[in-house]
Amino acid sequence: MTSPVRRYPLQLFLGLATLVVVAEWLVVHSTKFSHGADRLALGITVDLVLLIPLLYYWLLVQTGRWSKTSVVAVFAGCIGVAKWLLPTAQHSYVNKVAYAVPMLEAGVLLYIVWHGATLLRSYKRHQQAQADFSRSLHLSLSELTGNSRLSHIIATEAAVVRYSVLGWLSEKSVTDQRLLLPSHRNSGQVAMLIMVIVVAGIESVVAHLLLARWSNTAAWILTATSIYTILFLIAEIVTTVRRPSFQQDGLLHLRFGLRWAGVVSLDNISKVERINKKPKADKQTLTGPLLVQPNLLITLHKPVIVTGLYGLQKTVTRIALLLDSPDSLSTVD
């Protein structure tokens, strides 16, 4: 039987970290804090900036789920929590510990630079095999860090920036002989996403102005979240247009924006049928198009695993997709 520590390490860490923060908050706001503020501030600082990072290292880093360099981010975050929790007069211990952050960040930067050349060579090699920024970056990071989950997270965030800000950059490989299967010309999916972006932009401005009357910080947090959402939707449009599904060497490479990707052997396809609405939702069915109806349903002999945002995986036996020319898929009857 697998222990809870191995099965739910992230949930366990978040739960324990929350308990520590809540306990320290209660101490700071208790009547006893004023009588021994200096001594209690030292204990609170130790609990927040040492205990929580140690819990993180033990539950997530030591088990191989997260990289060692991520401890620096957790350490810096705990210093921020300590400064928020403690009164300004008791920041002396936190400020002393904070001097270590620039040195740790410099160490992480040197680590990145040291391994940057290796990462770049690996990325170019994967790009030459198949021109796909997200795939190549994930594979390169996995080879460097040995942590597939962390690599998926970094690759997802990098892909949002790359496709939303630098979407005009080409990814075409000199060895590319793919049969592209576009889906944006006749579907209206791009137009629908543009409408959502416009509405989201207007709503975020109005919400910011209204929320700022109550809390300026909360207003900017909401605005930052809205900006990220808009960038994600822009990246979704760009990848829908410039990163479509394709066939090559007997394989069907499925790409649904940044949301889902997978590979299906053409020999594994049992049936391809025309449809005009979304199939009934179940755990083994993946509907690829966003905001529009699919026009093809692929049924498989054997289930395959598709990968979503941040490395989320799903096992499917039916895949609903949308193609501008359904007959372009060679297995369509």
Protein backbone atom coordinates (compact mmCIF):
# COMPACT_ATOMS: atom_id res chain seq x y z
CA MET A 1 0.00 0.00 0.00
CA THR A 2 1.42 3.40 -1.04
CA SER A 3 1.78 5.90 1.81
CA PRO A 4 -0.01 9.28 1.62
CA VAL A 5 3.39 11.00 1.50
CA ARG A 6 4.17 9.29 -1.81
CA ARG A 7 0.66 9.52 -3.26
CA TYR A 8 -0.19 13.13 -2.39
CA PRO A 9 3.07 14.98 -1.65
CA LEU A 10 1.97 18.35 -3.06
CA GLN A 11 -1.35 18.31 -1.22
CA LEU A 12 0.42 17.29 2.00
CA PHE A 13 2.98 20.08 1.66
CA LEU A 14 0.33 22.72 0.97
CA GLY A 15 -1.71 21.52 3.93
CA LEU A 16 1.23 21.55 6.36
CA ALA A 17 2.49 24.91 5.08
CA THR A 18 -0.98 26.41 5.52
CA LEU A 19 -1.17 25.07 9.08
CA VAL A 20 2.20 26.64 9.89
CA VAL A 21 1.17 30.03 8.47
CA VAL A 22 -2.19 29.98 10.26
CA ALA A 23 -0.53 29.02 13.55
CA GLU A 24 2.00 31.86 13.24
CA TRP A 25 -0.78 34.31 12.34
CA LEU A 26 -2.63 33.34 15.53
CA VAL A 27 0.54 33.86 17.56
CA VAL A 28 1.16 37.32 16.07
CA HIS A 29 -2.40 38.40 16.78
CA SER A 30 -2.51 36.99 20.30
CA THR A 31 -2.20 39.16 23.41
CA LYS A 32 0.98 37.32 24.45
CA PHE A 33 2.90 38.48 21.35
CA SER A 34 3.41 42.02 22.65
CA HIS A 35 5.02 40.71 25.87
CA GLY A 36 7.72 38.69 24.07
CA ALA A 37 7.65 40.10 20.57
CA ASP A 38 11.40 39.83 19.88
CA ARG A 39 11.68 36.21 21.01
CA LEU A 40 8.47 35.16 19.27
CA ALA A 41 9.48 36.99 16.07
CA LEU A 42 12.67 34.89 15.96
CA GLY A 43 10.68 31.68 16.36
CA ILE A 44 8.15 32.70 13.71
CA THR A 45 10.96 33.62 11.30
CA VAL A 46 12.63 30.23 11.81
CA ASP A 47 9.34 28.38 11.29
CA LEU A 48 8.48 30.23 8.10
CA VAL A 49 11.84 30.56 6.33
CA LEU A 50 13.39 27.27 7.44
CA LEU A 51 10.67 24.80 8.39
CA ILE A 52 8.46 25.30 5.31
CA PRO A 53 11.36 25.09 2.79
CA LEU A 54 12.59 21.95 4.58
CA LEU A 55 9.11 20.42 4.29
CA TYR A 56 9.11 21.32 0.61
CA TYR A 57 12.51 19.72 0.08
CA TRP A 58 11.55 16.57 1.95
CA LEU A 59 8.13 16.05 0.34
CA LEU A 60 8.71 17.28 -3.22
CA VAL A 61 12.41 17.68 -4.04
CA GLN A 62 13.83 14.59 -2.36
CA THR A 63 11.19 12.43 -4.03
CA GLY A 64 12.29 13.71 -7.44
CA ARG A 65 9.06 15.53 -8.28
CA TRP A 66 10.53 19.05 -8.28
CA SER A 67 14.00 20.42 -8.95
CA LYS A 68 16.41 21.53 -6.23
CA THR A 69 16.56 25.04 -7.68
CA SER A 70 12.85 25.51 -6.98
CA VAL A 71 13.67 25.58 -3.25
CA VAL A 72 15.07 29.08 -3.79
CA ALA A 73 11.68 30.32 -4.99
CA VAL A 74 9.94 28.72 -2.00
CA PHE A 75 12.54 30.23 0.36
CA ALA A 76 12.02 33.71 -1.12
CA GLY A 77 8.24 33.29 -0.92
CA CYS A 78 8.47 32.34 2.75
CA ILE A 79 10.51 35.47 3.46
CA GLY A 80 7.74 37.48 1.84
CA VAL A 81 5.12 35.75 3.99
CA ALA A 82 7.18 36.43 7.12
CA LYS A 83 7.45 40.14 6.27
CA TRP A 84 3.71 40.29 5.65
CA LEU A 85 2.89 38.46 8.88
CA LEU A 86 5.25 40.18 11.31
CA PRO A 87 4.94 43.82 12.37
CA THR A 88 7.55 46.12 10.82
CA ALA A 89 9.29 46.54 14.18
CA GLN A 90 10.05 42.81 14.24
CA HIS A 91 11.55 42.55 10.72
CA SER A 92 15.17 42.52 11.91
CA TYR A 93 15.57 38.72 11.77
CA VAL A 94 13.73 38.43 8.44
CA ASN A 95 15.85 41.17 6.91
CA LYS A 96 19.04 39.38 7.93
CA VAL A 97 17.84 36.15 6.34
CA ALA A 98 16.78 38.05 3.21
CA TYR A 99 20.42 38.87 2.48
CA ALA A 100 20.85 35.23 1.44
CA VAL A 101 18.27 35.49 -1.37
CA PRO A 102 20.44 37.43 -3.87
CA MET A 103 23.29 34.96 -3.34
CA LEU A 104 20.97 32.01 -3.88
CA GLU A 105 19.49 33.65 -6.97
CA ALA A 106 22.98 34.24 -8.33
CA GLY A 107 23.73 30.57 -7.76
CA VAL A 108 20.60 29.54 -9.66
CA LEU A 109 21.52 31.92 -12.50
CA LEU A 110 25.01 30.40 -12.73
CA TYR A 111 23.43 26.94 -12.77
CA ILE A 112 21.14 27.96 -15.64
CA VAL A 113 23.98 29.55 -17.62
CA TRP A 114 26.19 26.52 -17.01
CA HIS A 115 23.53 24.19 -18.38
CA GLY A 116 22.17 26.65 -20.95
CA ALA A 117 24.46 25.46 -23.72
CA THR A 118 23.44 21.85 -23.13
CA LEU A 119 19.76 22.82 -23.13
CA LEU A 120 20.15 24.81 -26.36
CA ARG A 121 21.89 21.95 -28.17
CA SER A 122 19.22 19.52 -27.06
CA TYR A 123 16.45 21.93 -28.10
CA LYS A 124 17.94 22.37 -31.59
CA ARG A 125 18.26 18.60 -31.99
CA HIS A 126 14.60 18.03 -31.12
CA GLN A 127 13.51 20.94 -33.33
CA GLN A 128 15.36 19.41 -36.25
CA ALA A 129 13.49 16.13 -35.74
CA GLN A 130 10.09 17.85 -35.37
CA ALA A 131 9.62 21.62 -35.38
CA ASP A 132 7.48 22.18 -32.29
CA PHE A 133 8.52 24.68 -29.61
CA SER A 134 6.50 23.14 -26.76
CA ARG A 135 7.53 19.57 -27.49
CA SER A 136 11.20 20.39 -28.06
CA LEU A 137 11.46 22.53 -24.93
CA HIS A 138 9.75 19.90 -22.77
CA LEU A 139 11.99 17.09 -24.04
CA SER A 140 15.12 19.22 -23.61
CA LEU A 141 14.20 20.24 -20.07
CA SER A 142 13.34 16.64 -19.18
CA GLU A 143 16.76 15.50 -20.35
CA LEU A 144 18.45 18.24 -18.34
CA THR A 145 16.45 18.06 -15.10
CA GLY A 146 15.19 14.48 -15.14
CA ASN A 147 11.82 15.85 -13.99
CA SER A 148 9.08 15.51 -16.60
CA ARG A 149 6.37 17.21 -14.53
CA LEU A 150 8.44 20.32 -13.82
CA SER A 151 9.49 20.40 -17.47
CA HIS A 152 5.85 20.36 -18.56
CA ILE A 153 5.04 23.29 -16.27
CA ILE A 154 7.96 25.39 -17.54
CA ALA A 155 7.24 24.44 -21.16
CA THR A 156 3.56 25.42 -20.80
CA GLU A 157 4.35 28.85 -19.34
CA ALA A 158 7.07 29.44 -21.94
CA ALA A 159 4.69 28.41 -24.73
CA VAL A 160 2.08 30.95 -23.58
CA VAL A 161 4.67 33.73 -23.84
CA ARG A 162 6.26 32.45 -27.04
CA TYR A 163 3.00 32.07 -28.99
CA SER A 164 1.21 35.14 -27.60
CA VAL A 165 4.12 37.58 -27.93
CA LEU A 166 6.29 35.97 -30.63
CA GLY A 167 3.62 34.12 -32.56
CA TRP A 168 4.91 35.43 -35.89
CA LEU A 169 8.14 33.40 -35.59
CA SER A 170 8.23 30.39 -37.92
CA GLU A 171 8.91 26.85 -36.73
CA LYS A 172 9.22 25.17 -40.11
CA SER A 173 11.92 22.50 -40.24
CA VAL A 174 14.08 21.84 -43.28
CA THR A 175 13.14 18.17 -43.03
CA ASP A 176 9.41 18.85 -42.60
CA GLN A 177 7.27 16.64 -44.86
CA ARG A 178 4.05 16.71 -42.87
CA LEU A 179 0.51 16.61 -44.18
CA LEU A 180 -1.06 19.50 -42.29
CA LEU A 181 -4.67 19.24 -41.11
CA PRO A 182 -5.82 22.84 -40.43
CA SER A 183 -9.03 23.64 -38.59
CA HIS A 184 -9.29 27.44 -38.47
CA ARG A 185 -10.36 28.51 -41.97
CA ASN A 186 -14.00 27.39 -41.96
CA SER A 187 -14.81 26.88 -38.29
CA GLY A 188 -15.14 30.36 -36.82
CA GLN A 189 -13.07 29.25 -33.82
CA VAL A 190 -10.58 32.09 -34.21
CA ALA A 191 -13.39 34.68 -34.47
CA MET A 192 -15.03 33.30 -31.33
CA LEU A 193 -11.77 33.48 -29.39
CA ILE A 194 -11.18 37.07 -30.55
CA MET A 195 -14.65 38.01 -29.29
CA VAL A 196 -13.86 36.42 -25.91
CA ILE A 197 -10.58 38.37 -25.72
CA VAL A 198 -12.34 41.68 -26.46
CA VAL A 199 -15.03 41.03 -23.86
CA ALA A 200 -12.45 39.88 -21.28
CA GLY A 201 -10.39 43.01 -21.89
CA ILE A 202 -13.38 45.32 -21.37
CA GLU A 203 -14.56 43.44 -18.28
CA SER A 204 -11.08 43.46 -16.72
CA VAL A 205 -10.86 47.25 -17.02
CA VAL A 206 -14.31 47.76 -15.47
CA ALA A 207 -13.63 45.21 -12.73
CA HIS A 208 -10.29 46.86 -11.92
CA LEU A 209 -11.87 50.30 -11.51
CA LEU A 210 -14.64 48.96 -9.29
CA LEU A 211 -12.41 46.71 -7.17
CA ALA A 212 -9.79 49.45 -6.71
CA ARG A 213 -12.30 51.37 -4.58
CA TRP A 214 -12.13 48.52 -2.07
CA SER A 215 -8.56 47.22 -2.47
CA ASN A 216 -5.91 48.43 -4.89
CA THR A 217 -3.89 45.25 -4.37
CA ALA A 218 -6.85 42.99 -5.12
CA ALA A 219 -7.61 45.06 -8.23
CA TRP A 220 -4.10 44.58 -9.62
CA ILE A 221 -4.14 40.87 -8.80
CA LEU A 222 -7.38 40.52 -10.76
CA THR A 223 -5.94 42.57 -13.63
CA ALA A 224 -2.77 40.47 -13.74
CA THR A 225 -4.91 37.33 -13.87
CA SER A 226 -6.97 38.83 -16.69
CA ILE A 227 -3.85 39.76 -18.65
CA TYR A 228 -2.51 36.22 -18.33
CA THR A 229 -5.86 34.82 -19.48
CA ILE A 230 -5.84 37.11 -22.53
CA LEU A 231 -2.25 36.09 -23.35
CA PHE A 232 -3.28 32.44 -23.09
CA LEU A 233 -6.22 32.99 -25.45
CA ILE A 234 -3.95 34.80 -27.94
CA ALA A 235 -1.55 31.85 -27.76
CA GLU A 236 -4.50 29.53 -28.33
CA ILE A 237 -5.40 31.43 -31.52
CA VAL A 238 -1.83 31.41 -32.80
CA THR A 239 -1.32 27.71 -32.13
CA THR A 240 -4.66 26.85 -33.71
CA VAL A 241 -3.58 28.62 -36.90
CA ARG A 242 0.16 27.93 -37.02
CA ARG A 243 0.40 24.63 -35.13
CA PRO A 244 -2.34 22.38 -36.55
CA SER A 245 -2.64 18.61 -36.34
CA PHE A 246 -0.75 16.68 -39.02
CA GLN A 247 -0.04 13.24 -40.48
CA GLN A 248 3.45 11.88 -40.98
CA ASP A 249 4.99 8.41 -41.32
CA GLY A 250 1.80 6.54 -40.47
CA LEU A 251 1.10 8.64 -37.39
CA LEU A 252 -1.60 11.20 -36.65
CA HIS A 253 -0.18 14.00 -34.48
CA LEU A 254 -3.08 15.70 -32.72
CA ARG A 255 -2.76 19.30 -31.59
CA PHE A 256 -5.59 21.25 -30.01
CA GLY A 257 -4.04 24.65 -29.38
CA LEU A 258 -1.94 24.51 -26.24
CA ARG A 259 -4.58 22.48 -24.43
CA TRP A 260 -4.04 18.95 -25.69
CA ALA A 261 -1.57 17.01 -27.80
CA GLY A 262 -1.14 13.35 -28.64
CA VAL A 263 0.03 10.84 -31.22
CA VAL A 264 -2.15 8.11 -32.71
CA SER A 265 -0.95 5.38 -35.03
CA LEU A 266 -3.15 5.19 -38.12
CA ASP A 267 -3.24 1.41 -37.63
CA ASN A 268 -4.85 2.00 -34.22
CA ILE A 269 -7.81 3.85 -35.73
CA SER A 270 -10.89 1.65 -35.77
CA LYS A 271 -13.36 4.11 -37.28
CA VAL A 272 -13.62 7.73 -38.41
CA GLU A 273 -17.12 9.12 -38.77
CA ARG A 274 -18.64 12.47 -39.63
CA ILE A 275 -20.48 14.25 -36.82
CA ASN A 276 -22.11 17.67 -36.40
CA LYS A 277 -22.18 18.01 -32.62
CA LYS A 278 -20.04 17.18 -29.63
CA PRO A 279 -20.13 13.52 -28.58
CA LYS A 280 -21.46 12.58 -25.18
CA ALA A 281 -18.84 13.48 -22.59
CA ASP A 282 -17.14 10.65 -20.73
CA LYS A 283 -13.73 9.89 -19.26
CA GLN A 284 -12.43 8.23 -22.44
CA THR A 285 -13.59 10.87 -24.92
CA LEU A 286 -11.58 13.97 -25.80
CA THR A 287 -13.24 16.87 -27.59
CA GLY A 288 -10.55 19.02 -29.15
CA PRO A 289 -12.24 22.12 -30.66
CA LEU A 290 -12.86 25.10 -28.40
CA LEU A 291 -16.16 27.05 -28.59
CA VAL A 292 -17.16 25.32 -31.87
CA GLN A 293 -18.56 21.93 -32.88
CA PRO A 294 -16.32 19.08 -34.13
CA ASN A 295 -16.97 17.40 -37.46
CA LEU A 296 -15.06 14.13 -37.06
CA LEU A 297 -15.04 11.44 -34.40
CA ILE A 298 -12.13 9.00 -34.26
CA THR A 299 -12.64 5.68 -32.48
CA LEU A 300 -9.51 3.72 -31.53
CA HIS A 301 -8.78 0.01 -31.19
CA LYS A 302 -6.61 0.63 -28.13
CA PRO A 303 -6.59 3.61 -25.77
CA VAL A 304 -3.88 6.26 -26.07
CA ILE A 305 -2.62 8.89 -23.66
CA VAL A 306 -2.95 12.55 -24.59
CA THR A 307 -1.11 15.28 -22.73
CA GLY A 308 -2.64 18.58 -21.66
CA LEU A 309 -1.54 21.76 -19.92
CA TYR A 310 1.17 21.40 -17.28
CA GLY A 311 1.57 17.71 -18.09
CA LEU A 312 -2.01 16.70 -17.31
CA GLN A 313 -2.69 13.32 -18.96
CA LYS A 314 -5.87 11.62 -20.09
CA THR A 315 -6.43 8.14 -21.51
CA VAL A 316 -8.90 8.18 -24.40
CA THR A 317 -10.47 5.82 -26.92
CA ARG A 318 -12.51 8.45 -28.80
CA ILE A 319 -11.29 11.79 -30.12
CA ALA A 320 -13.57 14.48 -31.57
CA LEU A 321 -11.80 16.95 -33.83
CA LEU A 322 -12.50 19.62 -36.37
CA LEU A 323 -10.87 19.80 -39.81
CA ASP A 324 -11.40 22.36 -42.57
CA SER A 325 -11.33 19.45 -45.06
CA PRO A 326 -12.49 16.27 -43.31
CA ASP A 327 -11.53 14.19 -46.35
CA SER A 328 -7.89 15.25 -45.92
CA LEU A 329 -7.57 12.70 -43.14
CA SER A 330 -6.58 9.62 -45.12
CA THR A 331 -8.58 7.20 -42.98
CA VAL A 332 -11.93 8.97 -43.45
CA ASP A 333 -14.53 6.73 -45.10
